Amino acid sequence: MLTATGSGFDQIPLARRAKAFTANEGGWGKMMKLIEKYLVHAL
C-alpha cells in the first residue's frame, strides 16, 4: 500500500489556496498511475 500526502498548502495565501489545491489534485492521480505502471513492470 502506498499513501501520498500533500503538504505546504497552509503556506499558500488563503485567497489562492483552493485554486492551488484543485490544480494539484489532478497531478496526484496521474502520478499514482505512473507509479502503479512502474511497479507492475518492475516486479
N, C-alpha and C. Protein backbone atom coordinates (compact mmCIF):
# COMPACT_ATOMS: atom_id res chain seq x y z
N MET A 1 0.86 -1.17 0.00
CA MET A 1 0.00 0.00 0.00
C MET A 1 0.89 1.23 0.00
N LEU A 2 0.50 2.20 -0.76
CA LEU A 2 1.23 3.46 -0.84
C LEU A 2 0.27 4.59 -0.48
N THR A 3 0.73 5.46 0.38
CA THR A 3 -0.05 6.63 0.75
C THR A 3 0.74 7.87 0.37
N ALA A 4 0.10 8.78 -0.34
CA ALA A 4 0.73 10.05 -0.71
C ALA A 4 0.05 11.15 0.08
N THR A 5 0.84 12.04 0.61
CA THR A 5 0.31 13.14 1.40
C THR A 5 0.87 14.45 0.87
N GLY A 6 -0.01 15.35 0.52
CA GLY A 6 0.42 16.67 0.07
C GLY A 6 0.61 17.58 1.28
N SER A 7 1.56 18.47 1.17
CA SER A 7 1.77 19.41 2.27
C SER A 7 2.19 20.76 1.70
N GLY A 8 2.18 21.75 2.54
CA GLY A 8 2.61 23.07 2.14
C GLY A 8 1.48 24.01 1.76
N PHE A 9 0.26 23.47 1.67
CA PHE A 9 -0.86 24.31 1.27
C PHE A 9 -1.17 25.39 2.31
N ASP A 10 -0.82 25.13 3.54
CA ASP A 10 -1.07 26.14 4.58
C ASP A 10 -0.16 27.36 4.41
N GLN A 11 0.87 27.24 3.58
CA GLN A 11 1.78 28.35 3.34
C GLN A 11 1.35 29.20 2.15
N ILE A 12 0.36 28.74 1.40
CA ILE A 12 -0.17 29.50 0.26
C ILE A 12 -1.20 30.48 0.79
N PRO A 13 -1.18 31.71 0.32
CA PRO A 13 -2.18 32.68 0.79
C PRO A 13 -3.60 32.14 0.63
N LEU A 14 -4.43 32.40 1.59
CA LEU A 14 -5.79 31.87 1.63
C LEU A 14 -6.57 32.16 0.35
N ALA A 15 -6.37 33.31 -0.25
CA ALA A 15 -7.09 33.68 -1.47
C ALA A 15 -6.74 32.76 -2.64
N ARG A 16 -5.56 32.15 -2.62
CA ARG A 16 -5.12 31.29 -3.72
C ARG A 16 -5.15 29.81 -3.37
N ARG A 17 -5.37 29.48 -2.12
CA ARG A 17 -5.23 28.11 -1.63
C ARG A 17 -6.16 27.11 -2.31
N ALA A 18 -7.43 27.42 -2.42
CA ALA A 18 -8.39 26.49 -3.02
C ALA A 18 -8.04 26.21 -4.47
N LYS A 19 -7.66 27.25 -5.20
CA LYS A 19 -7.28 27.07 -6.61
C LYS A 19 -6.01 26.21 -6.72
N ALA A 20 -5.05 26.46 -5.87
CA ALA A 20 -3.81 25.68 -5.89
C ALA A 20 -4.07 24.22 -5.55
N PHE A 21 -4.92 23.98 -4.57
CA PHE A 21 -5.25 22.61 -4.18
C PHE A 21 -5.94 21.88 -5.32
N THR A 22 -6.89 22.53 -5.97
CA THR A 22 -7.62 21.92 -7.09
C THR A 22 -6.67 21.64 -8.25
N ALA A 23 -5.79 22.57 -8.56
CA ALA A 23 -4.84 22.38 -9.65
C ALA A 23 -3.89 21.23 -9.37
N ASN A 24 -3.54 21.04 -8.14
CA ASN A 24 -2.59 20.00 -7.75
C ASN A 24 -3.24 18.62 -7.69
N GLU A 25 -4.52 18.58 -7.43
CA GLU A 25 -5.23 17.32 -7.23
C GLU A 25 -5.11 16.38 -8.43
N GLY A 26 -5.26 16.89 -9.64
CA GLY A 26 -5.16 16.06 -10.83
C GLY A 26 -3.78 15.47 -11.02
N GLY A 27 -2.77 16.18 -10.61
CA GLY A 27 -1.40 15.69 -10.73
C GLY A 27 -1.14 14.45 -9.91
N TRP A 28 -1.72 14.38 -8.72
CA TRP A 28 -1.52 13.20 -7.88
C TRP A 28 -2.13 11.95 -8.50
N GLY A 29 -3.29 12.09 -9.12
CA GLY A 29 -3.90 10.94 -9.78
C GLY A 29 -3.02 10.41 -10.90
N LYS A 30 -2.47 11.31 -11.68
CA LYS A 30 -1.57 10.92 -12.77
C LYS A 30 -0.31 10.27 -12.22
N MET A 31 0.23 10.86 -11.15
CA MET A 31 1.45 10.32 -10.57
C MET A 31 1.23 8.92 -10.01
N MET A 32 0.10 8.69 -9.37
CA MET A 32 -0.19 7.36 -8.83
C MET A 32 -0.30 6.32 -9.94
N LYS A 33 -0.88 6.69 -11.06
CA LYS A 33 -0.98 5.76 -12.20
C LYS A 33 0.41 5.44 -12.76
N LEU A 34 1.27 6.44 -12.82
CA LEU A 34 2.64 6.19 -13.29
C LEU A 34 3.41 5.28 -12.33
N ILE A 35 3.23 5.49 -11.04
CA ILE A 35 3.88 4.64 -10.03
C ILE A 35 3.37 3.21 -10.16
N GLU A 36 2.07 3.05 -10.30
CA GLU A 36 1.48 1.72 -10.46
C GLU A 36 2.04 1.03 -11.71
N LYS A 37 2.12 1.74 -12.80
CA LYS A 37 2.64 1.19 -14.06
C LYS A 37 4.11 0.75 -13.88
N TYR A 38 4.87 1.58 -13.21
CA TYR A 38 6.27 1.25 -12.95
C TYR A 38 6.39 -0.02 -12.11
N LEU A 39 5.61 -0.10 -11.05
CA LEU A 39 5.69 -1.26 -10.16
C LEU A 39 5.26 -2.55 -10.85
N VAL A 40 4.25 -2.48 -11.68
CA VAL A 40 3.78 -3.67 -12.40
C VAL A 40 4.90 -4.21 -13.29
N HIS A 41 5.62 -3.31 -13.94
CA HIS A 41 6.68 -3.75 -14.85
C HIS A 41 7.99 -4.06 -14.13
N ALA A 42 8.21 -3.48 -12.97
CA ALA A 42 9.46 -3.69 -12.23
C ALA A 42 9.45 -5.00 -11.44
N LEU A 43 8.26 -5.44 -11.08
CA LEU A 43 8.18 -6.66 -10.26
C LEU A 43 7.92 -7.81 -11.14
